[in-house]
Amino acid sequence: MAHQRTHPPAGSRWTAPPRPALLPEPLSHVDGALVSCGSGTAYEGPLRLQLSGQDRLLVTGLGPVGLAGEAHRVADGGAAVEVCIVFG
């Protein structure tokens, strides 16, 4: 079973959740780790900013985290502006 962790308030210690988070049957622990790393990071920032569907979000970089951030915004009914600078 995968354990879901959340960021603690500053100065506190990490604690395990009271019960483990269960993944749907076709997903492995590796799948869960990959999704939580990129997608969880992209979801947490706008959530903490308390963005509404009327706010725009500037996404710089279109790697896994940037694309996940854009997908979360669109799913929430918001708008995202994407910027990706390619050198070379």
PDB file of N, CA and C in Angstrom:
ATOM      1  N   MET A   1       0.827  -1.183   0.000  1.00  0.00           N
ATOM      2  CA  MET A   1       0.000   0.000   0.000  1.00  0.00           C
ATOM      3  C   MET A   1       0.871   1.246   0.000  1.00  0.00           C
ATOM      4  N   ALA A   2       0.461   2.262  -0.737  1.00  0.00           N
ATOM      5  CA  ALA A   2       1.201   3.523  -0.772  1.00  0.00           C
ATOM      6  C   ALA A   2       0.711   4.420   0.352  1.00  0.00           C
ATOM      7  N   HIS A   3       1.624   5.155   0.935  1.00  0.00           N
ATOM      8  CA  HIS A   3       1.263   6.105   1.979  1.00  0.00           C
ATOM      9  C   HIS A   3       1.232   7.494   1.381  1.00  0.00           C
ATOM     10  N   GLN A   4       0.176   8.203   1.657  1.00  0.00           N
ATOM     11  CA  GLN A   4       0.042   9.561   1.169  1.00  0.00           C
ATOM     12  C   GLN A   4       0.586  10.501   2.242  1.00  0.00           C
ATOM     13  N   ARG A   5       1.470  11.406   1.857  1.00  0.00           N
ATOM     14  CA  ARG A   5       2.023  12.364   2.813  1.00  0.00           C
ATOM     15  C   ARG A   5       1.676  13.770   2.357  1.00  0.00           C
ATOM     16  N   THR A   6       1.469  14.636   3.310  1.00  0.00           N
ATOM     17  CA  THR A   6       1.217  16.030   2.993  1.00  0.00           C
ATOM     18  C   THR A   6       2.293  16.867   3.658  1.00  0.00           C
ATOM     19  N   HIS A   7       2.499  18.070   3.152  1.00  0.00           N
ATOM     20  CA  HIS A   7       3.518  18.938   3.723  1.00  0.00           C
ATOM     21  C   HIS A   7       3.050  19.435   5.086  1.00  0.00           C
ATOM     22  N   PRO A   8       3.885  19.268   6.125  1.00  0.00           N
ATOM     23  CA  PRO A   8       3.492  19.729   7.461  1.00  0.00           C
ATOM     24  C   PRO A   8       3.709  21.228   7.601  1.00  0.00           C
ATOM     25  N   PRO A   9       3.089  21.860   8.572  1.00  0.00           N
ATOM     26  CA  PRO A   9       3.374  23.271   8.838  1.00  0.00           C
ATOM     27  C   PRO A   9       4.847  23.431   9.211  1.00  0.00           C
ATOM     28  N   ALA A  10       5.384  24.617   8.999  1.00  0.00           N
ATOM     29  CA  ALA A  10       6.797  24.872   9.295  1.00  0.00           C
ATOM     30  C   ALA A  10       7.100  24.556  10.755  1.00  0.00           C
ATOM     31  N   GLY A  11       8.206  23.886  10.969  1.00  0.00           N
ATOM     32  CA  GLY A  11       8.633  23.573  12.329  1.00  0.00           C
ATOM     33  C   GLY A  11       8.071  22.289  12.899  1.00  0.00           C
ATOM     34  N   SER A  12       7.162  21.635  12.195  1.00  0.00           N
ATOM     35  CA  SER A  12       6.602  20.387  12.719  1.00  0.00           C
ATOM     36  C   SER A  12       7.294  19.199  12.065  1.00  0.00           C
ATOM     37  N   ARG A  13       7.040  18.023  12.563  1.00  0.00           N
ATOM     38  CA  ARG A  13       7.670  16.810  12.031  1.00  0.00           C
ATOM     39  C   ARG A  13       6.741  16.129  11.039  1.00  0.00           C
ATOM     40  N   TRP A  14       7.355  15.327  10.162  1.00  0.00           N
ATOM     41  CA  TRP A  14       6.567  14.532   9.218  1.00  0.00           C
ATOM     42  C   TRP A  14       5.831  13.451   9.984  1.00  0.00           C
ATOM     43  N   THR A  15       4.608  13.233   9.626  1.00  0.00           N
ATOM     44  CA  THR A  15       3.837  12.160  10.239  1.00  0.00           C
ATOM     45  C   THR A  15       3.159  11.349   9.147  1.00  0.00           C
ATOM     46  N   ALA A  16       2.979  10.096   9.407  1.00  0.00           N
ATOM     47  CA  ALA A  16       2.264   9.231   8.465  1.00  0.00           C
ATOM     48  C   ALA A  16       0.768   9.464   8.639  1.00  0.00           C
ATOM     49  N   PRO A  17      -0.009   9.304   7.591  1.00  0.00           N
ATOM     50  CA  PRO A  17      -1.458   9.471   7.720  1.00  0.00           C
ATOM     51  C   PRO A  17      -2.032   8.366   8.609  1.00  0.00           C
ATOM     52  N   PRO A  18      -3.223   8.598   9.139  1.00  0.00           N
ATOM     53  CA  PRO A  18      -3.810   7.582  10.021  1.00  0.00           C
ATOM     54  C   PRO A  18      -4.060   6.251   9.325  1.00  0.00           C
ATOM     55  N   ARG A  19      -4.282   6.262   8.028  1.00  0.00           N
ATOM     56  CA  ARG A  19      -4.467   5.017   7.277  1.00  0.00           C
ATOM     57  C   ARG A  19      -3.830   5.174   5.904  1.00  0.00           C
ATOM     58  N   PRO A  20      -3.327   4.110   5.347  1.00  0.00           N
ATOM     59  CA  PRO A  20      -2.667   4.214   4.045  1.00  0.00           C
ATOM     60  C   PRO A  20      -3.657   4.518   2.923  1.00  0.00           C
ATOM     61  N   ALA A  21      -3.171   5.224   1.911  1.00  0.00           N
ATOM     62  CA  ALA A  21      -3.981   5.490   0.729  1.00  0.00           C
ATOM     63  C   ALA A  21      -3.898   4.272  -0.194  1.00  0.00           C
ATOM     64  N   LEU A  22      -5.028   3.828  -0.684  1.00  0.00           N
ATOM     65  CA  LEU A  22      -5.065   2.662  -1.574  1.00  0.00           C
ATOM     66  C   LEU A  22      -5.090   3.118  -3.025  1.00  0.00           C
ATOM     67  N   LEU A  23      -4.315   2.449  -3.840  1.00  0.00           N
ATOM     68  CA  LEU A  23      -4.315   2.729  -5.270  1.00  0.00           C
ATOM     69  C   LEU A  23      -5.284   1.789  -5.971  1.00  0.00           C
ATOM     70  N   PRO A  24      -5.919   2.251  -7.051  1.00  0.00           N
ATOM     71  CA  PRO A  24      -6.787   1.349  -7.817  1.00  0.00           C
ATOM     72  C   PRO A  24      -5.983   0.155  -8.326  1.00  0.00           C
ATOM     73  N   GLU A  25      -6.629  -0.939  -8.530  1.00  0.00           N
ATOM     74  CA  GLU A  25      -5.998  -2.217  -8.865  1.00  0.00           C
ATOM     75  C   GLU A  25      -4.991  -2.177 -10.015  1.00  0.00           C
ATOM     76  N   PRO A  26      -5.256  -1.510 -11.145  1.00  0.00           N
ATOM     77  CA  PRO A  26      -4.261  -1.587 -12.218  1.00  0.00           C
ATOM     78  C   PRO A  26      -2.996  -0.754 -11.964  1.00  0.00           C
ATOM     79  N   LEU A  27      -2.982   0.108 -10.949  1.00  0.00           N
ATOM     80  CA  LEU A  27      -1.819   0.968 -10.694  1.00  0.00           C
ATOM     81  C   LEU A  27      -0.837   0.312  -9.731  1.00  0.00           C
ATOM     82  N   SER A  28       0.444   0.453 -10.055  1.00  0.00           N
ATOM     83  CA  SER A  28       1.488  -0.067  -9.177  1.00  0.00           C
ATOM     84  C   SER A  28       1.975   1.054  -8.262  1.00  0.00           C
ATOM     85  N   HIS A  29       2.869   0.718  -7.337  1.00  0.00           N
ATOM     86  CA  HIS A  29       3.453   1.730  -6.457  1.00  0.00           C
ATOM     87  C   HIS A  29       4.308   2.706  -7.265  1.00  0.00           C
ATOM     88  N   VAL A  30       4.941   2.234  -8.318  1.00  0.00           N
ATOM     89  CA  VAL A  30       5.733   3.102  -9.186  1.00  0.00           C
ATOM     90  C   VAL A  30       4.820   4.105  -9.889  1.00  0.00           C
ATOM     91  N   ASP A  31       3.671   3.638 -10.398  1.00  0.00           N
ATOM     92  CA  ASP A  31       2.704   4.542 -11.032  1.00  0.00           C
ATOM     93  C   ASP A  31       2.262   5.622 -10.047  1.00  0.00           C
ATOM     94  N   GLY A  32       1.951   5.218  -8.835  1.00  0.00           N
ATOM     95  CA  GLY A  32       1.514   6.170  -7.810  1.00  0.00           C
ATOM     96  C   GLY A  32       2.589   7.193  -7.484  1.00  0.00           C
ATOM     97  N   ALA A  33       3.842   6.752  -7.419  1.00  0.00           N
ATOM     98  CA  ALA A  33       4.945   7.667  -7.122  1.00  0.00           C
ATOM     99  C   ALA A  33       5.139   8.666  -8.262  1.00  0.00           C
ATOM    100  N   LEU A  34       5.063   8.191  -9.508  1.00  0.00           N
ATOM    101  CA  LEU A  34       5.236   9.088 -10.649  1.00  0.00           C
ATOM    102  C   LEU A  34       4.123  10.130 -10.720  1.00  0.00           C
ATOM    103  N   VAL A  35       2.910   9.718 -10.470  1.00  0.00           N
ATOM    104  CA  VAL A  35       1.789  10.652 -10.510  1.00  0.00           C
ATOM    105  C   VAL A  35       1.874  11.653  -9.365  1.00  0.00           C
ATOM    106  N   SER A  36       2.184  11.182  -8.173  1.00  0.00           N
ATOM    107  CA  SER A  36       2.205  12.092  -7.028  1.00  0.00           C
ATOM    108  C   SER A  36       3.358  13.077  -7.106  1.00  0.00           C
ATOM    109  N   CYS A  37       4.470  12.694  -7.700  1.00  0.00           N
ATOM    110  CA  CYS A  37       5.635  13.583  -7.785  1.00  0.00           C
ATOM    111  C   CYS A  37       5.358  14.761  -8.721  1.00  0.00           C
ATOM    112  N   GLY A  38       5.024  14.499  -9.963  1.00  0.00           N
ATOM    113  CA  GLY A  38       4.802  15.582 -10.919  1.00  0.00           C
ATOM    114  C   GLY A  38       3.454  16.253 -10.778  1.00  0.00           C
ATOM    115  N   SER A  39       2.416  15.464 -10.741  1.00  0.00           N
ATOM    116  CA  SER A  39       1.066  16.011 -10.699  1.00  0.00           C
ATOM    117  C   SER A  39       0.745  16.611  -9.336  1.00  0.00           C
ATOM    118  N   GLY A  40       1.198  15.971  -8.278  1.00  0.00           N
ATOM    119  CA  GLY A  40       0.947  16.510  -6.930  1.00  0.00           C
ATOM    120  C   GLY A  40       1.619  17.846  -6.724  1.00  0.00           C
ATOM    121  N   THR A  41       2.832  17.997  -7.245  1.00  0.00           N
ATOM    122  CA  THR A  41       3.553  19.264  -7.149  1.00  0.00           C
ATOM    123  C   THR A  41       2.820  20.359  -7.909  1.00  0.00           C
ATOM    124  N   ALA A  42       2.339  20.041  -9.091  1.00  0.00           N
ATOM    125  CA  ALA A  42       1.629  21.026  -9.906  1.00  0.00           C
ATOM    126  C   ALA A  42       0.275  21.394  -9.303  1.00  0.00           C
ATOM    127  N   TYR A  43      -0.339  20.496  -8.590  1.00  0.00           N
ATOM    128  CA  TYR A  43      -1.660  20.740  -8.001  1.00  0.00           C
ATOM    129  C   TYR A  43      -1.559  21.569  -6.721  1.00  0.00           C
ATOM    130  N   GLU A  44      -0.510  21.339  -5.943  1.00  0.00           N
ATOM    131  CA  GLU A  44      -0.407  21.954  -4.620  1.00  0.00           C
ATOM    132  C   GLU A  44      -0.236  23.473  -4.670  1.00  0.00           C
ATOM    133  N   GLY A  45       0.569  23.993  -5.610  1.00  0.00           N
ATOM    134  CA  GLY A  45       0.812  25.437  -5.689  1.00  0.00           C
ATOM    135  C   GLY A  45      -0.453  26.249  -5.916  1.00  0.00           C
ATOM    136  N   PRO A  46      -1.188  26.000  -6.997  1.00  0.00           N
ATOM    137  CA  PRO A  46      -2.431  26.749  -7.208  1.00  0.00           C
ATOM    138  C   PRO A  46      -3.462  26.524  -6.095  1.00  0.00           C
ATOM    139  N   LEU A  47      -3.443  25.355  -5.494  1.00  0.00           N
ATOM    140  CA  LEU A  47      -4.369  25.098  -4.388  1.00  0.00           C
ATOM    141  C   LEU A  47      -4.060  26.024  -3.214  1.00  0.00           C
ATOM    142  N   ARG A  48      -2.788  26.170  -2.890  1.00  0.00           N
ATOM    143  CA  ARG A  48      -2.393  27.063  -1.794  1.00  0.00           C
ATOM    144  C   ARG A  48      -2.663  28.524  -2.115  1.00  0.00           C
ATOM    145  N   LEU A  49      -2.591  28.888  -3.395  1.00  0.00           N
ATOM    146  CA  LEU A  49      -2.885  30.265  -3.798  1.00  0.00           C
ATOM    147  C   LEU A  49      -4.374  30.550  -3.834  1.00  0.00           C
ATOM    148  N   GLN A  50      -5.184  29.527  -3.711  1.00  0.00           N
ATOM    149  CA  GLN A  50      -6.648  29.626  -3.728  1.00  0.00           C
ATOM    150  C   GLN A  50      -7.140  30.309  -5.006  1.00  0.00           C
ATOM    151  N   LEU A  51      -6.656  29.824  -6.140  1.00  0.00           N
ATOM    152  CA  LEU A  51      -7.064  30.373  -7.426  1.00  0.00           C
ATOM    153  C   LEU A  51      -8.490  29.970  -7.746  1.00  0.00           C
ATOM    154  N   SER A  52      -9.196  30.876  -8.392  1.00  0.00           N
ATOM    155  CA  SER A  52     -10.562  30.558  -8.832  1.00  0.00           C
ATOM    156  C   SER A  52     -10.535  30.344 -10.336  1.00  0.00           C
ATOM    157  N   GLY A  53     -11.664  30.014 -10.906  1.00  0.00           N
ATOM    158  CA  GLY A  53     -11.767  29.814 -12.344  1.00  0.00           C
ATOM    159  C   GLY A  53     -11.578  31.095 -13.134  1.00  0.00           C
ATOM    160  N   GLN A  54     -11.642  32.257 -12.466  1.00  0.00           N
ATOM    161  CA  GLN A  54     -11.472  33.538 -13.147  1.00  0.00           C
ATOM    162  C   GLN A  54     -10.010  33.975 -13.189  1.00  0.00           C
ATOM    163  N   ASP A  55      -9.132  33.315 -12.435  1.00  0.00           N
ATOM    164  CA  ASP A  55      -7.718  33.673 -12.402  1.00  0.00           C
ATOM    165  C   ASP A  55      -6.965  32.997 -13.539  1.00  0.00           C
ATOM    166  N   ARG A  56      -5.898  33.651 -13.991  1.00  0.00           N
ATOM    167  CA  ARG A  56      -5.019  33.049 -14.991  1.00  0.00           C
ATOM    168  C   ARG A  56      -3.744  32.599 -14.305  1.00  0.00           C
ATOM    169  N   LEU A  57      -3.170  31.534 -14.803  1.00  0.00           N
ATOM    170  CA  LEU A  57      -1.944  30.976 -14.249  1.00  0.00           C
ATOM    171  C   LEU A  57      -0.884  30.954 -15.346  1.00  0.00           C
ATOM    172  N   LEU A  58       0.294  31.510 -15.052  1.00  0.00           N
ATOM    173  CA  LEU A  58       1.403  31.460 -15.989  1.00  0.00           C
ATOM    174  C   LEU A  58       2.231  30.225 -15.686  1.00  0.00           C
ATOM    175  N   VAL A  59       2.347  29.348 -16.660  1.00  0.00           N
ATOM    176  CA  VAL A  59       3.123  28.117 -16.514  1.00  0.00           C
ATOM    177  C   VAL A  59       4.398  28.287 -17.326  1.00  0.00           C
ATOM    178  N   THR A  60       5.542  28.310 -16.648  1.00  0.00           N
ATOM    179  CA  THR A  60       6.820  28.439 -17.348  1.00  0.00           C
ATOM    180  C   THR A  60       7.492  27.077 -17.374  1.00  0.00           C
ATOM    181  N   GLY A  61       7.737  26.586 -18.550  1.00  0.00           N
ATOM    182  CA  GLY A  61       8.309  25.253 -18.709  1.00  0.00           C
ATOM    183  C   GLY A  61       7.208  24.239 -18.925  1.00  0.00           C
ATOM    184  N   LEU A  62       7.338  23.454 -19.961  1.00  0.00           N
ATOM    185  CA  LEU A  62       6.293  22.487 -20.300  1.00  0.00           C
ATOM    186  C   LEU A  62       6.793  21.054 -20.167  1.00  0.00           C
ATOM    187  N   GLY A  63       7.472  20.797 -19.065  1.00  0.00           N
ATOM    188  CA  GLY A  63       7.853  19.432 -18.736  1.00  0.00           C
ATOM    189  C   GLY A  63       6.679  18.741 -18.055  1.00  0.00           C
ATOM    190  N   PRO A  64       6.905  17.647 -17.364  1.00  0.00           N
ATOM    191  CA  PRO A  64       5.810  16.914 -16.728  1.00  0.00           C
ATOM    192  C   PRO A  64       5.040  17.740 -15.700  1.00  0.00           C
ATOM    193  N   VAL A  65       5.747  18.537 -14.902  1.00  0.00           N
ATOM    194  CA  VAL A  65       5.075  19.335 -13.869  1.00  0.00           C
ATOM    195  C   VAL A  65       4.291  20.475 -14.502  1.00  0.00           C
ATOM    196  N   GLY A  66       4.881  21.167 -15.481  1.00  0.00           N
ATOM    197  CA  GLY A  66       4.183  22.261 -16.150  1.00  0.00           C
ATOM    198  C   GLY A  66       2.932  21.799 -16.874  1.00  0.00           C
ATOM    199  N   LEU A  67       3.034  20.683 -17.585  1.00  0.00           N
ATOM    200  CA  LEU A  67       1.858  20.156 -18.291  1.00  0.00           C
ATOM    201  C   LEU A  67       0.776  19.694 -17.316  1.00  0.00           C
ATOM    202  N   ALA A  68       1.184  19.114 -16.196  1.00  0.00           N
ATOM    203  CA  ALA A  68       0.200  18.700 -15.193  1.00  0.00           C
ATOM    204  C   ALA A  68      -0.478  19.928 -14.590  1.00  0.00           C
ATOM    205  N   GLY A  69       0.289  21.004 -14.359  1.00  0.00           N
ATOM    206  CA  GLY A  69      -0.299  22.242 -13.840  1.00  0.00           C
ATOM    207  C   GLY A  69      -1.327  22.820 -14.785  1.00  0.00           C
ATOM    208  N   GLU A  70      -1.010  22.806 -16.066  1.00  0.00           N
ATOM    209  CA  GLU A  70      -1.959  23.290 -17.065  1.00  0.00           C
ATOM    210  C   GLU A  70      -3.219  22.414 -17.081  1.00  0.00           C
ATOM    211  N   ALA A  71      -3.037  21.114 -17.029  1.00  0.00           N
ATOM    212  CA  ALA A  71      -4.190  20.199 -17.045  1.00  0.00           C
ATOM    213  C   ALA A  71      -5.090  20.418 -15.835  1.00  0.00           C
ATOM    214  N   HIS A  72      -4.497  20.652 -14.674  1.00  0.00           N
ATOM    215  CA  HIS A  72      -5.301  20.915 -13.472  1.00  0.00           C
ATOM    216  C   HIS A  72      -6.092  22.217 -13.615  1.00  0.00           C
ATOM    217  N   ARG A  73      -5.453  23.258 -14.156  1.00  0.00           N
ATOM    218  CA  ARG A  73      -6.144  24.544 -14.325  1.00  0.00           C
ATOM    219  C   ARG A  73      -7.324  24.399 -15.267  1.00  0.00           C
ATOM    220  N   VAL A  74      -7.102  23.757 -16.403  1.00  0.00           N
ATOM    221  CA  VAL A  74      -8.179  23.595 -17.387  1.00  0.00           C
ATOM    222  C   VAL A  74      -9.309  22.756 -16.797  1.00  0.00           C
ATOM    223  N   ALA A  75      -8.959  21.722 -16.050  1.00  0.00           N
ATOM    224  CA  ALA A  75      -9.985  20.875 -15.426  1.00  0.00           C
ATOM    225  C   ALA A  75     -10.794  21.649 -14.393  1.00  0.00           C
ATOM    226  N   ASP A  76     -10.167  22.648 -13.749  1.00  0.00           N
ATOM    227  CA  ASP A  76     -10.872  23.471 -12.765  1.00  0.00           C
ATOM    228  C   ASP A  76     -11.641  24.611 -13.406  1.00  0.00           C
ATOM    229  N   GLY A  77     -11.583  24.723 -14.723  1.00  0.00           N
ATOM    230  CA  GLY A  77     -12.312  25.780 -15.423  1.00  0.00           C
ATOM    231  C   GLY A  77     -11.519  27.069 -15.545  1.00  0.00           C
ATOM    232  N   GLY A  78     -10.247  27.053 -15.201  1.00  0.00           N
ATOM    233  CA  GLY A  78      -9.408  28.245 -15.276  1.00  0.00           C
ATOM    234  C   GLY A  78      -8.652  28.309 -16.578  1.00  0.00           C
ATOM    235  N   ALA A  79      -7.891  29.383 -16.731  1.00  0.00           N
ATOM    236  CA  ALA A  79      -7.074  29.564 -17.920  1.00  0.00           C
ATOM    237  C   ALA A  79      -5.607  29.495 -17.540  1.00  0.00           C
ATOM    238  N   ALA A  80      -4.817  28.928 -18.430  1.00  0.00           N
ATOM    239  CA  ALA A  80      -3.374  28.847 -18.205  1.00  0.00           C
ATOM    240  C   ALA A  80      -2.669  29.390 -19.435  1.00  0.00           C
ATOM    241  N   VAL A  81      -1.615  30.148 -19.199  1.00  0.00           N
ATOM    242  CA  VAL A  81      -0.772  30.659 -20.265  1.00  0.00           C
ATOM    243  C   VAL A  81       0.548  29.911 -20.157  1.00  0.00           C
ATOM    244  N   GLU A  82       0.948  29.245 -21.229  1.00  0.00           N
ATOM    245  CA  GLU A  82       2.155  28.413 -21.188  1.00  0.00           C
ATOM    246  C   GLU A  82       3.291  29.126 -21.905  1.00  0.00           C
ATOM    247  N   VAL A  83       4.473  29.058 -21.315  1.00  0.00           N
ATOM    248  CA  VAL A  83       5.679  29.626 -21.914  1.00  0.00           C
ATOM    249  C   VAL A  83       6.777  28.573 -21.825  1.00  0.00           C
ATOM    250  N   CYS A  84       7.388  28.281 -22.966  1.00  0.00           N
ATOM    251  CA  CYS A  84       8.507  27.357 -22.984  1.00  0.00           C
ATOM    252  C   CYS A  84       9.585  27.948 -23.886  1.00  0.00           C
ATOM    253  N   ILE A  85      10.745  28.225 -23.295  1.00  0.00           N
ATOM    254  CA  ILE A  85      11.851  28.813 -24.058  1.00  0.00           C
ATOM    255  C   ILE A  85      12.816  27.686 -24.422  1.00  0.00           C
ATOM    256  N   VAL A  86      13.124  27.567 -25.699  1.00  0.00           N
ATOM    257  CA  VAL A  86      14.026  26.521 -26.172  1.00  0.00           C
ATOM    258  C   VAL A  86      15.290  27.198 -26.680  1.00  0.00           C
ATOM    259  N   PHE A  87      16.418  26.802 -26.117  1.00  0.00           N
ATOM    260  CA  PHE A  87      17.704  27.349 -26.541  1.00  0.00           C
ATOM    261  C   PHE A  87      18.375  26.395 -27.510  1.00  0.00           C
ATOM    262  N   GLY A  88      19.121  26.944 -28.447  1.00  0.00           N
ATOM    263  CA  GLY A  88      19.901  26.096 -29.324  1.00  0.00           C
ATOM    264  C   GLY A  88      19.323  26.002 -30.666  1.00  0.00           C
TER     265      GLY A  88
END
